[in-house]
């Protein structure tokens, strides 16, 4: 198979974690006889510094001409700490989602037994947790009309949704649920207060009648946030609007033990987009200490999208192997950690079939993964 992949490194740790994913994709290509062509493009603060805009038109063109996009992260303190900034890094990610017509962000949440000690939840609550969050991407308060009064003392953000926007992601969520063990969709909204949420609930109730094999329940977002902490295993497919999905999915990261563990895919009418859910983490940039697993698992989701399910599963097996053998980054174990590039090398070696059945940790150096 031959595919063109746009690489949007972005800011902070984005370039570093993405480099590990490319390393592993190259191992997959060599091991399975595929050809991946990469083309880099600017986005975020890096793009602002070089072009004056967070999303250059050339970046959009490169993404539209690719079979998939692999993205790192955007964000920079010099913009975060400047409320008067007219151009912001986050405009790049919002803009590319809009340009590629990506209306659904899919975020699987999986727990690992070896990382349960990192979660504030008791291990008994984490056993069997396996859910997927479907977050709507192009509507809601993030894209509604914004207003600030001339004196700067009043501001508003409009939350806006249409029936077609809700229908298209709802159908995706229900179809996905049909192929899962629980076959259950939970709509997370605030229908007791918000008109947009009432529209969501009305539309989902109508669509649910078309999927008789899927169980549906409805939960207010404040209760859902609490339920994720006290009984996370009840969830299967969570369907929700843009801002609620942004918040809920970040909260769900504590179930996995680290924000650096979770991948995501954004799909719609254009080129599919794959990214870890974490931010740019500028404090760790250039130190080789960030967790690349979220990016690597996002690359696995991209392979699934290409129909390369066996190759994607090998990557997930490799990730499981590193965790089971305590080859983890600093966010997982601040004392006995391995560098990000070492984790990337280990997973690449596993994919390439170079990892023997038994490994002596003393033979693995911090910045190398040569197995002796």
Protein backbone atom coordinates (compact mmCIF):
# COMPACT_ATOMS: atom_id res chain seq x y z
CA UNK A 1 0.00 0.00 0.00
CA UNK A 2 1.17 3.53 -0.80
CA UNK A 3 -0.17 6.53 1.14
CA UNK A 4 0.54 10.25 1.44
CA UNK A 5 0.61 11.55 5.01
CA UNK A 6 0.67 15.23 5.93
CA UNK A 7 2.77 15.95 9.03
CA UNK A 8 1.70 18.92 11.16
CA UNK A 9 4.27 19.01 13.95
CA UNK A 10 3.00 22.19 15.57
CA UNK A 11 4.42 23.50 18.83
CA UNK A 12 6.05 22.39 22.09
CA UNK A 13 6.43 18.63 22.25
CA UNK A 14 4.46 18.20 19.02
CA UNK A 15 7.50 17.70 16.75
CA UNK A 16 9.13 15.24 19.19
CA UNK A 17 6.17 12.93 19.74
CA UNK A 18 5.29 12.99 16.06
CA UNK A 19 8.86 12.00 15.20
CA UNK A 20 8.42 8.84 17.30
CA UNK A 21 5.22 7.96 15.42
CA UNK A 22 6.96 8.44 12.08
CA UNK A 23 9.77 6.19 13.30
CA UNK A 24 7.23 3.46 14.02
CA UNK A 25 5.30 4.01 10.79
CA UNK A 26 8.58 3.55 8.94
CA UNK A 27 9.10 0.25 10.77
CA UNK A 28 5.59 -0.81 9.75
CA UNK A 29 6.26 0.16 6.14
CA UNK A 30 9.48 -1.83 6.02
CA UNK A 31 8.06 -4.86 7.81
CA UNK A 32 4.84 -5.08 5.78
CA UNK A 33 5.91 -3.73 2.41
CA UNK A 34 4.08 -0.38 2.45
CA UNK A 35 5.24 3.03 1.26
CA UNK A 36 4.40 6.15 3.25
CA UNK A 37 5.19 9.58 1.80
CA UNK A 38 5.41 12.39 4.36
CA UNK A 39 5.05 16.11 3.73
CA UNK A 40 5.45 18.61 6.56
CA UNK A 41 3.34 21.75 6.93
CA UNK A 42 3.15 24.63 9.41
CA UNK A 43 0.45 25.17 12.03
CA UNK A 44 0.01 26.92 15.37
CA UNK A 45 2.55 29.24 17.02
CA UNK A 46 5.28 27.93 14.73
CA UNK A 47 3.22 29.05 11.74
CA UNK A 48 2.43 32.44 13.32
CA UNK A 49 6.13 33.10 13.95
CA UNK A 50 7.04 32.19 10.36
CA UNK A 51 4.05 33.42 8.36
CA UNK A 52 1.88 35.61 10.60
CA UNK A 53 -1.05 33.20 10.51
CA UNK A 54 -1.82 30.06 12.53
CA UNK A 55 -2.98 28.18 9.44
CA UNK A 56 -1.27 29.05 6.15
CA UNK A 57 -3.19 28.24 2.97
CA UNK A 58 -0.33 25.97 1.91
CA UNK A 59 -0.98 23.80 4.97
CA UNK A 60 -4.61 23.35 3.98
CA UNK A 61 -3.58 22.43 0.43
CA UNK A 62 -1.07 19.85 1.65
CA UNK A 63 -3.65 18.26 3.96
CA UNK A 64 -6.31 18.15 1.23
CA UNK A 65 -3.82 16.44 -1.07
CA UNK A 66 -2.97 13.76 1.52
CA UNK A 67 -4.61 10.49 2.52
CA UNK A 68 -4.36 11.37 6.22
CA UNK A 69 -2.93 13.96 8.57
CA UNK A 70 -0.71 13.23 11.60
CA UNK A 71 -0.72 16.15 14.01
CA UNK A 72 1.39 16.98 17.08
CA UNK A 73 0.08 19.86 19.23
CA UNK A 74 -0.42 23.62 19.23
CA UNK A 75 0.02 26.22 21.93
CA UNK A 76 2.64 28.62 23.26
CA UNK A 77 2.81 30.55 26.56
CA UNK A 78 3.61 33.83 24.81
CA UNK A 79 0.14 33.71 23.26
CA UNK A 80 -1.64 32.03 26.18
CA UNK A 81 -0.48 34.82 28.50
CA UNK A 82 -1.45 37.62 26.13
CA UNK A 83 -5.23 38.17 26.19
CA UNK A 84 -4.89 40.91 23.57
CA UNK A 85 -3.30 38.64 20.95
CA UNK A 86 -5.29 38.82 17.72
CA UNK A 87 -3.84 35.63 16.26
CA UNK A 88 -3.60 32.52 18.43
CA UNK A 89 -2.11 29.05 17.85
CA UNK A 90 -5.43 27.33 18.58
CA UNK A 91 -6.96 29.06 15.58
CA UNK A 92 -4.84 26.72 13.49
CA UNK A 93 -6.40 23.52 14.83
CA UNK A 94 -9.93 24.94 14.74
CA UNK A 95 -9.34 26.16 11.20
CA UNK A 96 -7.96 22.90 9.83
CA UNK A 97 -10.88 20.96 11.28
CA UNK A 98 -13.22 23.33 9.50
CA UNK A 99 -11.23 23.27 6.24
CA UNK A 100 -11.16 19.46 6.17
CA UNK A 101 -14.84 19.25 7.19
CA UNK A 102 -13.96 17.09 10.19
CA UNK A 103 -17.10 16.93 12.27
CA UNK A 104 -16.41 13.97 14.58
CA UNK A 105 -13.56 13.49 17.02
CA UNK A 106 -13.26 9.88 18.19
CA UNK A 107 -11.37 9.34 21.45
CA UNK A 108 -11.00 5.78 22.78
CA UNK A 109 -10.37 5.50 26.51
CA UNK A 110 -8.59 2.32 27.60
CA UNK A 111 -7.14 1.49 30.99
CA UNK A 112 -3.95 -0.48 31.60
CA UNK A 113 -3.51 -2.62 34.69
CA UNK A 114 0.14 -1.59 35.02
CA UNK A 115 -0.87 2.09 35.23
CA UNK A 116 -3.79 1.85 37.63
CA UNK A 117 -1.68 3.18 40.48
CA UNK A 118 -1.40 6.51 38.64
CA UNK A 119 -5.13 7.13 38.58
CA UNK A 120 -6.89 8.78 41.55
CA UNK A 121 -9.54 6.07 41.19
CA UNK A 122 -9.38 2.76 43.02
CA UNK A 123 -8.20 -0.16 40.84
CA UNK A 124 -11.55 -1.90 41.26
CA UNK A 125 -13.24 1.01 39.47
CA UNK A 126 -10.82 0.83 36.54
CA UNK A 127 -11.20 -2.86 35.71
CA UNK A 128 -13.07 -3.31 32.46
CA UNK A 129 -13.14 0.36 31.48
CA UNK A 130 -13.37 0.58 27.69
CA UNK A 131 -15.30 3.49 26.21
CA UNK A 132 -15.16 5.79 23.20
CA UNK A 133 -16.05 9.47 23.18
CA UNK A 134 -17.65 10.93 20.04
CA UNK A 135 -17.18 14.70 20.22
CA UNK A 136 -18.77 17.02 17.66
CA UNK A 137 -16.09 19.28 16.21
CA UNK A 138 -17.40 22.06 14.01
CA UNK A 139 -20.32 23.60 15.93
CA UNK A 140 -21.13 24.86 19.37
CA UNK A 141 -19.70 27.68 21.41
CA UNK A 142 -16.20 27.41 19.92
CA UNK A 143 -17.50 28.46 16.50
CA UNK A 144 -20.45 30.69 17.45
CA UNK A 145 -20.48 34.46 17.11
CA UNK A 146 -18.27 36.23 19.63
CA UNK A 147 -18.77 39.69 21.05
CA UNK A 148 -16.83 42.01 23.34
CA UNK A 149 -18.15 45.46 24.21
CA UNK A 150 -16.13 48.55 23.38
CA UNK A 151 -15.34 49.16 27.04
CA UNK A 152 -14.15 45.55 27.42
CA UNK A 153 -16.49 44.85 30.34
CA UNK A 154 -19.02 42.64 28.57
CA UNK A 155 -18.48 39.59 26.40
CA UNK A 156 -20.52 36.75 24.93
CA UNK A 157 -20.04 33.53 22.99
CA UNK A 158 -22.93 32.09 21.02
CA UNK A 159 -23.56 28.34 21.17
CA UNK A 160 -25.11 27.33 17.85
CA UNK A 161 -26.15 23.97 16.40
CA UNK A 162 -28.25 22.74 13.48
CA UNK A 163 -30.09 19.46 13.03
CA UNK A 164 -27.79 18.21 10.20
CA UNK A 165 -24.69 18.80 12.37
CA UNK A 166 -26.17 16.64 15.12
CA UNK A 167 -27.54 13.97 12.80
CA UNK A 168 -24.27 13.20 11.04
CA UNK A 169 -22.22 12.54 14.18
CA UNK A 170 -25.11 10.75 15.91
CA UNK A 171 -25.35 8.25 13.05
CA UNK A 172 -21.59 7.65 13.29
CA UNK A 173 -21.83 7.01 17.02
CA UNK A 174 -24.76 4.60 16.70
CA UNK A 175 -23.11 2.66 13.88
CA UNK A 176 -19.94 2.40 15.92
CA UNK A 177 -21.89 1.17 18.95
CA UNK A 178 -23.48 -1.59 16.86
CA UNK A 179 -20.05 -3.24 16.59
CA UNK A 180 -19.17 -3.02 20.27
CA UNK A 181 -19.83 -5.44 23.10
CA UNK A 182 -22.27 -3.31 25.11
CA UNK A 183 -23.99 -1.71 22.10
CA UNK A 184 -24.79 1.39 24.14
CA UNK A 185 -24.79 5.13 23.43
CA UNK A 186 -24.92 7.76 26.17
CA UNK A 187 -25.82 11.28 25.07
CA UNK A 188 -24.17 13.85 27.35
CA UNK A 189 -25.91 17.23 27.29
CA UNK A 190 -27.41 19.97 29.49
CA UNK A 191 -30.98 19.70 28.24
CA UNK A 192 -32.44 21.01 31.51
CA UNK A 193 -30.89 24.43 30.79
CA UNK A 194 -29.66 24.85 27.19
CA UNK A 195 -31.77 25.08 24.04
CA UNK A 196 -28.96 23.58 21.97
CA UNK A 197 -28.91 20.56 24.28
CA UNK A 198 -32.66 20.17 23.94
CA UNK A 199 -32.20 20.06 20.18
CA UNK A 200 -29.46 17.44 20.59
CA UNK A 201 -31.72 15.29 22.74
CA UNK A 202 -34.67 15.61 20.37
CA UNK A 203 -32.61 14.64 17.31
CA UNK A 204 -30.84 11.73 19.05
CA UNK A 205 -34.15 10.37 20.33
CA UNK A 206 -35.45 10.32 16.76
CA UNK A 207 -32.30 8.70 15.35
CA UNK A 208 -32.25 6.06 18.08
CA UNK A 209 -35.39 4.48 16.62
CA UNK A 210 -33.31 3.49 13.57
CA UNK A 211 -30.90 1.45 15.71
CA UNK A 212 -33.07 -0.97 17.64
CA UNK A 213 -30.05 -3.07 18.68
CA UNK A 214 -28.40 -0.13 20.48
CA UNK A 215 -29.37 0.92 24.00
CA UNK A 216 -29.54 4.67 24.58
CA UNK A 217 -29.42 6.69 27.75
CA UNK A 218 -29.17 10.41 28.48
CA UNK A 219 -27.05 12.15 31.07
CA UNK A 220 -26.52 15.78 32.03
CA UNK A 221 -22.89 16.81 31.62
CA UNK A 222 -22.34 17.61 35.29
CA UNK A 223 -23.59 14.16 36.29
CA UNK A 224 -21.57 12.56 33.47
CA UNK A 225 -18.41 14.20 34.79
CA UNK A 226 -19.11 12.70 38.21
CA UNK A 227 -20.09 9.28 36.83
CA UNK A 228 -16.81 9.05 34.90
CA UNK A 229 -15.06 9.11 38.26
CA UNK A 230 -17.35 6.91 40.37
CA UNK A 231 -18.46 4.33 37.79
CA UNK A 232 -16.56 4.68 34.49
CA UNK A 233 -17.18 1.12 33.33
CA UNK A 234 -20.88 1.90 32.76
CA UNK A 235 -19.99 3.85 29.60
CA UNK A 236 -19.58 2.44 26.12
CA UNK A 237 -20.02 5.12 23.43
CA UNK A 238 -20.36 8.67 24.75
CA UNK A 239 -21.88 11.15 22.29
CA UNK A 240 -21.67 14.86 23.03
CA UNK A 241 -21.26 18.37 21.66
CA UNK A 242 -18.01 20.24 21.11
CA UNK A 243 -17.17 21.91 24.43
CA UNK A 244 -18.61 19.16 26.62
CA UNK A 245 -16.59 16.61 24.63
CA UNK A 246 -13.41 18.64 25.03
CA UNK A 247 -13.82 18.71 28.81
CA UNK A 248 -15.11 15.16 29.30
CA UNK A 249 -12.35 13.57 27.22
CA UNK A 250 -9.61 15.39 29.15
CA UNK A 251 -11.22 14.25 32.39
CA UNK A 252 -11.30 10.69 31.06
CA UNK A 253 -7.53 10.78 30.58
CA UNK A 254 -7.04 10.25 34.33
CA UNK A 255 -8.58 6.80 33.89
CA UNK A 256 -5.65 5.82 31.66
CA UNK A 257 -3.11 7.22 34.12
CA UNK A 258 -1.76 10.05 32.00
CA UNK A 259 -2.96 12.61 29.48
CA UNK A 260 -0.09 11.45 27.28
CA UNK A 261 -1.65 8.02 26.76
CA UNK A 262 -4.78 8.85 24.78
CA UNK A 263 -5.06 9.02 20.98
CA UNK A 264 -7.80 10.41 18.79
CA UNK A 265 -9.08 10.48 15.23
CA UNK A 266 -11.08 13.24 13.58
CA UNK A 267 -13.19 12.21 10.62
CA UNK A 268 -15.74 13.80 8.35
CA UNK A 269 -16.08 14.70 4.70
CA UNK A 270 -12.38 15.35 4.03
CA UNK A 271 -8.95 13.98 4.89
CA UNK A 272 -8.95 12.18 8.26
CA UNK A 273 -6.87 13.73 11.03
CA UNK A 274 -5.04 11.89 13.83
CA UNK A 275 -3.64 13.42 17.00
CA UNK A 276 -2.88 12.74 20.68
CA UNK A 277 -5.32 14.54 22.95
CA UNK A 278 -2.62 16.25 25.02
CA UNK A 279 -1.49 19.83 24.56
CA UNK A 280 1.88 21.26 23.56
CA UNK A 281 3.42 20.93 27.08
CA UNK A 282 6.10 23.60 26.37
CA UNK A 283 7.87 22.94 29.68
CA UNK A 284 9.00 19.55 28.35
CA UNK A 285 9.86 20.63 24.80
CA UNK A 286 13.33 19.57 23.70
CA UNK A 287 14.00 17.48 26.80
CA UNK A 288 13.09 14.05 25.37
CA UNK A 289 10.83 13.34 28.36
CA UNK A 290 7.30 13.64 26.95
CA UNK A 291 5.06 10.60 26.56
CA UNK A 292 4.81 9.59 22.87
CA UNK A 293 2.18 6.86 23.39
CA UNK A 294 -0.80 9.08 22.59
CA UNK A 295 0.77 10.02 19.27
CA UNK A 296 1.86 6.46 18.52
CA UNK A 297 -1.62 5.08 19.21
CA UNK A 298 -3.02 7.86 17.00
CA UNK A 299 -0.78 6.54 14.22
CA UNK A 300 -2.27 3.09 14.89
CA UNK A 301 -5.75 4.57 14.47
CA UNK A 302 -4.57 6.02 11.16
CA UNK A 303 -3.50 2.56 10.01
CA UNK A 304 -6.96 1.27 10.98
CA UNK A 305 -8.38 4.03 8.80
CA UNK A 306 -6.24 2.77 5.90
CA UNK A 307 -7.58 -0.75 6.46
CA UNK A 308 -4.24 -1.96 7.86
CA UNK A 309 -5.77 -3.47 10.99
CA UNK A 310 -3.08 -6.13 11.53
CA UNK A 311 -0.35 -3.48 11.43
CA UNK A 312 -2.30 -1.27 13.84
CA UNK A 313 -2.72 -4.19 16.23
CA UNK A 314 1.01 -4.88 16.24
CA UNK A 315 1.62 -1.28 17.34
CA UNK A 316 -0.89 -1.68 20.17
CA UNK A 317 0.75 -4.96 21.18
CA UNK A 318 4.09 -3.15 21.25
CA UNK A 319 2.66 -0.43 23.48
CA UNK A 320 1.25 -3.07 25.82
CA UNK A 321 4.65 -4.76 25.91
CA UNK A 322 6.47 -1.57 26.92
CA UNK A 323 3.99 -0.87 29.71
CA UNK A 324 4.03 -4.43 31.01
CA UNK A 325 7.82 -4.29 31.20
CA UNK A 326 7.81 -0.84 32.84
CA UNK A 327 9.48 0.92 29.93
CA UNK A 328 7.70 4.21 30.59
CA UNK A 329 8.32 7.94 30.37
CA UNK A 330 8.70 10.45 33.18
CA UNK A 331 4.98 11.24 33.49
CA UNK A 332 4.37 7.58 34.38
CA UNK A 333 7.36 7.06 36.68
CA UNK A 334 9.29 10.21 37.71
CA UNK A 335 12.14 8.18 39.24
CA UNK A 336 12.70 5.17 36.99
CA UNK A 337 11.83 6.46 33.55
CA UNK A 338 13.12 6.06 30.01
CA UNK A 339 13.51 8.83 27.48
CA UNK A 340 10.83 9.38 24.86
CA UNK A 341 13.18 8.42 22.03
CA UNK A 342 13.98 5.16 23.84
CA UNK A 343 10.30 4.27 24.05
CA UNK A 344 10.00 5.04 20.35
CA UNK A 345 12.98 2.83 19.57
CA UNK A 346 11.59 -0.03 21.64
CA UNK A 347 8.20 0.07 19.96
CA UNK A 348 9.85 0.35 16.56
CA UNK A 349 12.03 -2.66 17.34
CA UNK A 350 9.00 -4.63 18.51
CA UNK A 351 7.16 -3.87 15.26
CA UNK A 352 10.27 -4.89 13.32
CA UNK A 353 10.44 -8.21 15.16
CA UNK A 354 13.72 -7.38 16.90
CA UNK A 355 12.47 -7.76 20.48
CA UNK A 356 13.24 -11.19 21.98
CA UNK A 357 10.91 -12.89 24.42
CA UNK A 358 12.97 -11.85 27.43
CA UNK A 359 14.70 -8.53 27.93
CA UNK A 360 17.17 -7.50 30.59
CA UNK A 361 16.55 -3.90 31.51
CA UNK A 362 20.15 -3.30 32.42
CA UNK A 363 20.99 -3.78 28.75
CA UNK A 364 18.73 -0.94 27.67
CA UNK A 365 20.36 2.45 27.93
CA UNK A 366 18.30 5.57 28.51
CA UNK A 367 18.80 6.94 25.01
CA UNK A 368 19.16 3.63 23.18
CA UNK A 369 17.06 0.53 22.85
CA UNK A 370 19.68 -1.85 21.55
CA UNK A 371 18.82 -5.26 22.96
CA UNK A 372 21.81 -7.34 23.98
